[in-house]
C-alpha atoms as a PDB file:
ATOM      1  CA  VAL A   1      31.137 -41.987  20.842  1.00  0.00           C
ATOM      2  CA  LEU A   2      31.474 -39.696  24.136  1.00  0.00           C
ATOM      3  CA  ASN A   3      29.905 -36.240  23.900  1.00  0.00           C
ATOM      4  CA  SER A   4      30.875 -33.448  25.718  1.00  0.00           C
ATOM      5  CA  ARG A   5      28.324 -33.545  28.002  1.00  0.00           C
ATOM      6  CA  ASP A   6      29.052 -37.283  28.945  1.00  0.00           C
ATOM      7  CA  THR A   7      32.638 -36.543  29.445  1.00  0.00           C
ATOM      8  CA  ASN A   8      32.625 -33.836  31.715  1.00  0.00           C
ATOM      9  CA  LYS A   9      31.831 -35.741  34.435  1.00  0.00           C
ATOM     10  CA  TYR A  10      35.127 -37.622  34.124  1.00  0.00           C
ATOM     11  CA  ILE A  11      37.102 -35.155  33.969  1.00  0.00           C
ATOM     12  CA  ASN A  12      38.713 -32.873  36.926  1.00  0.00           C
ATOM     13  CA  PRO A  13      40.216 -29.989  35.731  1.00  0.00           C
ATOM     14  CA  SER A  14      41.819 -29.334  39.123  1.00  0.00           C
ATOM     15  CA  PHE A  15      45.034 -28.824  37.578  1.00  0.00           C
ATOM     16  CA  ILE A  16      44.327 -25.843  35.604  1.00  0.00           C
ATOM     17  CA  GLN A  17      43.775 -22.377  36.794  1.00  0.00           C
ATOM     18  CA  PRO A  18      42.728 -19.148  35.507  1.00  0.00           C
ATOM     19  CA  ARG A  19      45.234 -16.812  35.439  1.00  0.00           C
ATOM     20  CA  SER A  20      45.077 -14.461  38.284  1.00  0.00           C
ATOM     21  CA  ASN A  21      43.633 -11.171  36.449  1.00  0.00           C
ATOM     22  CA  SER A  22      41.218 -13.143  34.551  1.00  0.00           C
ATOM     23  CA  THR A  23      38.195 -15.359  34.473  1.00  0.00           C
ATOM     24  CA  ARG A  24      38.596 -17.004  31.321  1.00  0.00           C
ATOM     25  CA  PHE A  25      41.189 -20.116  30.793  1.00  0.00           C
ATOM     26  CA  THR A  26      43.924 -18.168  28.804  1.00  0.00           C
ATOM     27  CA  MET A  27      46.378 -20.981  29.602  1.00  0.00           C
ATOM     28  CA  SER A  28      48.811 -21.982  26.726  1.00  0.00           C
ATOM     29  CA  ALA A  29      49.429 -25.142  25.728  1.00  0.00           C
ATOM     30  CA  GLU A  30      52.557 -25.614  27.371  1.00  0.00           C
ATOM     31  CA  GLU A  31      50.790 -24.049  31.128  1.00  0.00           C
ATOM     32  CA  VAL A  32      48.223 -26.563  30.533  1.00  0.00           C
ATOM     33  CA  ALA A  33      51.186 -29.187  30.169  1.00  0.00           C
ATOM     34  CA  LYS A  34      53.069 -28.310  32.784  1.00  0.00           C
ATOM     35  CA  ALA A  35      50.062 -27.479  35.210  1.00  0.00           C
ATOM     36  CA  PHE A  36      48.541 -31.018  34.395  1.00  0.00           C
ATOM     37  CA  VAL A  37      52.131 -32.699  34.495  1.00  0.00           C
ATOM     38  CA  GLU A  38      52.783 -31.458  38.258  1.00  0.00           C
ATOM     39  CA  HIS A  39      49.046 -32.359  39.456  1.00  0.00           C
ATOM     40  CA  PHE A  40      49.351 -36.108  37.823  1.00  0.00           C
ATOM     41  CA  TYR A  41      52.462 -37.062  39.268  1.00  0.00           C
ATOM     42  CA  LYS A  42      51.866 -35.207  42.633  1.00  0.00           C
ATOM     43  CA  THR A  43      48.564 -37.146  43.119  1.00  0.00           C
ATOM     44  CA  PHE A  44      49.964 -40.615  41.627  1.00  0.00           C
ATOM     45  CA  ASP A  45      52.482 -40.109  44.591  1.00  0.00           C
ATOM     46  CA  SER A  46      50.036 -39.294  47.169  1.00  0.00           C
ATOM     47  CA  ASN A  47      46.548 -40.596  46.038  1.00  0.00           C
ATOM     48  CA  VAL A  48      46.297 -42.800  43.054  1.00  0.00           C
ATOM     49  CA  GLU A  49      42.236 -43.143  43.081  1.00  0.00           C
ATOM     50  CA  ALA A  50      42.028 -39.542  42.951  1.00  0.00           C
ATOM     51  CA  LEU A  51      43.635 -39.736  39.292  1.00  0.00           C
ATOM     52  CA  ALA A  52      40.417 -41.374  38.054  1.00  0.00           C
ATOM     53  CA  GLY A  53      38.530 -37.939  37.193  1.00  0.00           C
ATOM     54  CA  LEU A  54      41.215 -36.915  34.314  1.00  0.00           C
ATOM     55  CA  TYR A  55      40.583 -40.521  32.691  1.00  0.00           C
ATOM     56  CA  SER A  56      37.277 -41.272  30.632  1.00  0.00           C
ATOM     57  CA  PRO A  57      35.943 -44.597  29.308  1.00  0.00           C
ATOM     58  CA  GLN A  58      37.349 -44.086  25.951  1.00  0.00           C
ATOM     59  CA  SER A  59      40.894 -43.477  27.711  1.00  0.00           C
ATOM     60  CA  MET A  60      43.597 -46.109  26.878  1.00  0.00           C
ATOM     61  CA  LEU A  61      46.965 -46.542  28.962  1.00  0.00           C
ATOM     62  CA  THR A  62      50.031 -48.752  28.075  1.00  0.00           C
ATOM     63  CA  PHE A  63      51.994 -49.804  31.058  1.00  0.00           C
ATOM     64  CA  GLU A  64      55.303 -51.753  30.384  1.00  0.00           C
ATOM     65  CA  GLY A  65      53.335 -53.225  26.843  1.00  0.00           C
ATOM     66  CA  ASN A  66      50.088 -54.232  28.546  1.00  0.00           C
ATOM     67  CA  GLN A  67      46.892 -52.339  27.788  1.00  0.00           C
ATOM     68  CA  VAL A  68      43.811 -51.579  29.549  1.00  0.00           C
ATOM     69  CA  ALA A  69      40.847 -49.142  29.123  1.00  0.00           C
ATOM     70  CA  GLY A  70      38.438 -47.132  30.802  1.00  0.00           C
ATOM     71  CA  ALA A  71      39.122 -45.180  34.014  1.00  0.00           C
ATOM     72  CA  GLU A  72      38.115 -47.976  36.510  1.00  0.00           C
ATOM     73  CA  GLN A  73      40.702 -50.489  35.046  1.00  0.00           C
ATOM     74  CA  ILE A  74      43.974 -47.412  34.583  1.00  0.00           C
ATOM     75  CA  ILE A  75      43.155 -46.588  38.289  1.00  0.00           C
ATOM     76  CA  GLY A  76      43.419 -50.903  38.889  1.00  0.00           C
ATOM     77  CA  LYS A  77      46.681 -50.561  37.075  1.00  0.00           C
ATOM     78  CA  LEU A  78      48.243 -47.664  38.694  1.00  0.00           C
ATOM     79  CA  ARG A  79      46.967 -49.220  42.325  1.00  0.00           C
ATOM     80  CA  GLY A  80      48.928 -52.471  41.245  1.00  0.00           C
ATOM     81  CA  VAL A  81      51.864 -50.265  41.017  1.00  0.00           C
ATOM     82  CA  GLY A  82      51.970 -49.639  45.060  1.00  0.00           C
ATOM     83  CA  PRO A  83      53.425 -46.804  46.861  1.00  0.00           C
ATOM     84  CA  VAL A  84      55.469 -44.644  44.574  1.00  0.00           C
ATOM     85  CA  LYS A  85      57.716 -41.479  44.307  1.00  0.00           C
ATOM     86  CA  HIS A  86      58.249 -39.763  41.255  1.00  0.00           C
ATOM     87  CA  GLU A  87      60.910 -37.103  40.380  1.00  0.00           C
ATOM     88  CA  ILE A  88      60.460 -35.613  36.891  1.00  0.00           C
ATOM     89  CA  LYS A  89      63.584 -34.515  35.025  1.00  0.00           C
ATOM     90  CA  SER A  90      62.103 -33.555  31.209  1.00  0.00           C
ATOM     91  CA  MET A  91      58.632 -32.541  29.293  1.00  0.00           C
ATOM     92  CA  ASP A  92      58.374 -32.107  25.874  1.00  0.00           C
ATOM     93  CA  LEU A  93      55.204 -31.152  24.388  1.00  0.00           C
ATOM     94  CA  GLN A  94      53.171 -30.840  20.718  1.00  0.00           C
ATOM     95  CA  PRO A  95      49.581 -30.162  19.631  1.00  0.00           C
ATOM     96  CA  SER A  96      47.854 -33.180  18.275  1.00  0.00           C
ATOM     97  CA  GLN A  97      45.812 -33.729  16.126  1.00  0.00           C
ATOM     98  CA  SER A  98      43.100 -30.579  17.066  1.00  0.00           C
ATOM     99  CA  ALA A  99      43.664 -27.498  18.609  1.00  0.00           C
ATOM    100  CA  THR A 100      42.130 -29.001  21.749  1.00  0.00           C
ATOM    101  CA  ALA A 101      44.435 -31.767  21.956  1.00  0.00           C
ATOM    102  CA  ILE A 102      48.246 -31.382  23.387  1.00  0.00           C
ATOM    103  CA  VAL A 103      50.663 -34.607  23.400  1.00  0.00           C
ATOM    104  CA  ILE A 104      52.762 -34.634  26.371  1.00  0.00           C
ATOM    105  CA  PHE A 105      56.334 -36.665  26.778  1.00  0.00           C
ATOM    106  CA  VAL A 106      57.579 -37.010  30.154  1.00  0.00           C
ATOM    107  CA  THR A 107      60.992 -38.464  31.565  1.00  0.00           C
ATOM    108  CA  GLY A 108      62.536 -38.898  34.667  1.00  0.00           C
ATOM    109  CA  SER A 109      62.839 -41.431  37.690  1.00  0.00           C
ATOM    110  CA  ILE A 110      60.819 -43.592  40.189  1.00  0.00           C
ATOM    111  CA  LYS A 111      60.481 -45.225  43.630  1.00  0.00           C
ATOM    112  CA  ILE A 112      58.598 -47.950  43.661  1.00  0.00           C
ATOM    113  CA  GLY A 113      58.125 -48.952  47.563  1.00  0.00           C
ATOM    114  CA  GLY A 114      61.063 -47.171  48.507  1.00  0.00           C
ATOM    115  CA  ASP A 115      63.999 -49.453  46.121  1.00  0.00           C
ATOM    116  CA  ASN A 116      66.154 -47.577  44.597  1.00  0.00           C
ATOM    117  CA  PRO A 117      65.161 -45.182  41.716  1.00  0.00           C
ATOM    118  CA  LEU A 118      64.638 -46.421  38.224  1.00  0.00           C
ATOM    119  CA  HIS A 119      64.249 -44.330  34.968  1.00  0.00           C
ATOM    120  CA  PHE A 120      60.918 -44.508  33.208  1.00  0.00           C
ATOM    121  CA  CYS A 121      59.235 -42.439  30.419  1.00  0.00           C
ATOM    122  CA  GLU A 122      55.448 -41.506  29.721  1.00  0.00           C
ATOM    123  CA  MET A 123      53.582 -40.073  27.024  1.00  0.00           C
ATOM    124  CA  PHE A 124      50.140 -38.552  27.458  1.00  0.00           C
ATOM    125  CA  GLN A 125      47.661 -37.454  24.729  1.00  0.00           C
ATOM    126  CA  LEU A 126      45.439 -34.618  26.630  1.00  0.00           C
ATOM    127  CA  VAL A 127      42.102 -34.000  25.097  1.00  0.00           C
ATOM    128  CA  GLY A 128      39.892 -30.723  25.395  1.00  0.00           C
ATOM    129  CA  THR A 129      36.224 -31.294  26.253  1.00  0.00           C
ATOM    130  CA  GLY A 130      35.651 -27.405  26.808  1.00  0.00           C
ATOM    131  CA  PRO A 131      37.109 -24.404  27.772  1.00  0.00           C
ATOM    132  CA  GLY A 132      40.124 -25.311  30.551  1.00  0.00           C
ATOM    133  CA  ALA A 133      38.553 -29.296  30.517  1.00  0.00           C
ATOM    134  CA  TYR A 134      40.756 -31.881  29.548  1.00  0.00           C
ATOM    135  CA  TYR A 135      40.953 -35.744  30.171  1.00  0.00           C
ATOM    136  CA  VAL A 136      43.502 -37.831  29.381  1.00  0.00           C
ATOM    137  CA  HIS A 137      42.672 -40.197  26.112  1.00  0.00           C
ATOM    138  CA  ASN A 138      46.154 -42.042  25.811  1.00  0.00           C
ATOM    139  CA  ASP A 139      48.851 -42.651  28.591  1.00  0.00           C
ATOM    140  CA  ILE A 140      51.726 -45.003  27.426  1.00  0.00           C
ATOM    141  CA  PHE A 141      54.527 -45.807  30.134  1.00  0.00           C
ATOM    142  CA  ARG A 142      57.651 -47.598  29.906  1.00  0.00           C
ATOM    143  CA  LEU A 143      60.732 -48.089  32.369  1.00  0.00           C
ATOM    144  CA  ASN A 144      63.843 -47.485  31.147  1.00  0.00           C
ATOM    145  CA  TYR A 145      66.592 -50.112  31.965  1.00  0.00           C
ATOM    146  CA  GLY A 146      70.178 -50.223  31.427  1.00  0.00           C
ATOM    147  CA  LEU A 147      70.588 -46.389  31.621  1.00  0.00           C
END
């Protein structure tokens, strides 16, 4: 079991910023989700290696039906996609099993290597490890063909 002390070295909460007049993290689940989605896809499009801090050894990615676990294997899988450009169309979220977890569902289009855009959907479960600190516990990605 990963405790929060061990987890924090894997978290890159740089996408979470406190409100301008506050030193505390008082973001709503929706604000966290929006900030995460913007950060995740901007970073994926420009420097996939920088996403490693968002995953932990417990994290799991299912990419087009293939499962990998742990930050290193996940980044290796994402790196293998090649150069990409995402355009986000929608984002939905729900609270998860605890007050510190959020489920996020994203739809959009992705250009892989400059080819024509393909529709995709992706689901994330973010799990909090402390005030304003989250990691991606689950990530499921699918291309949507024939739309």
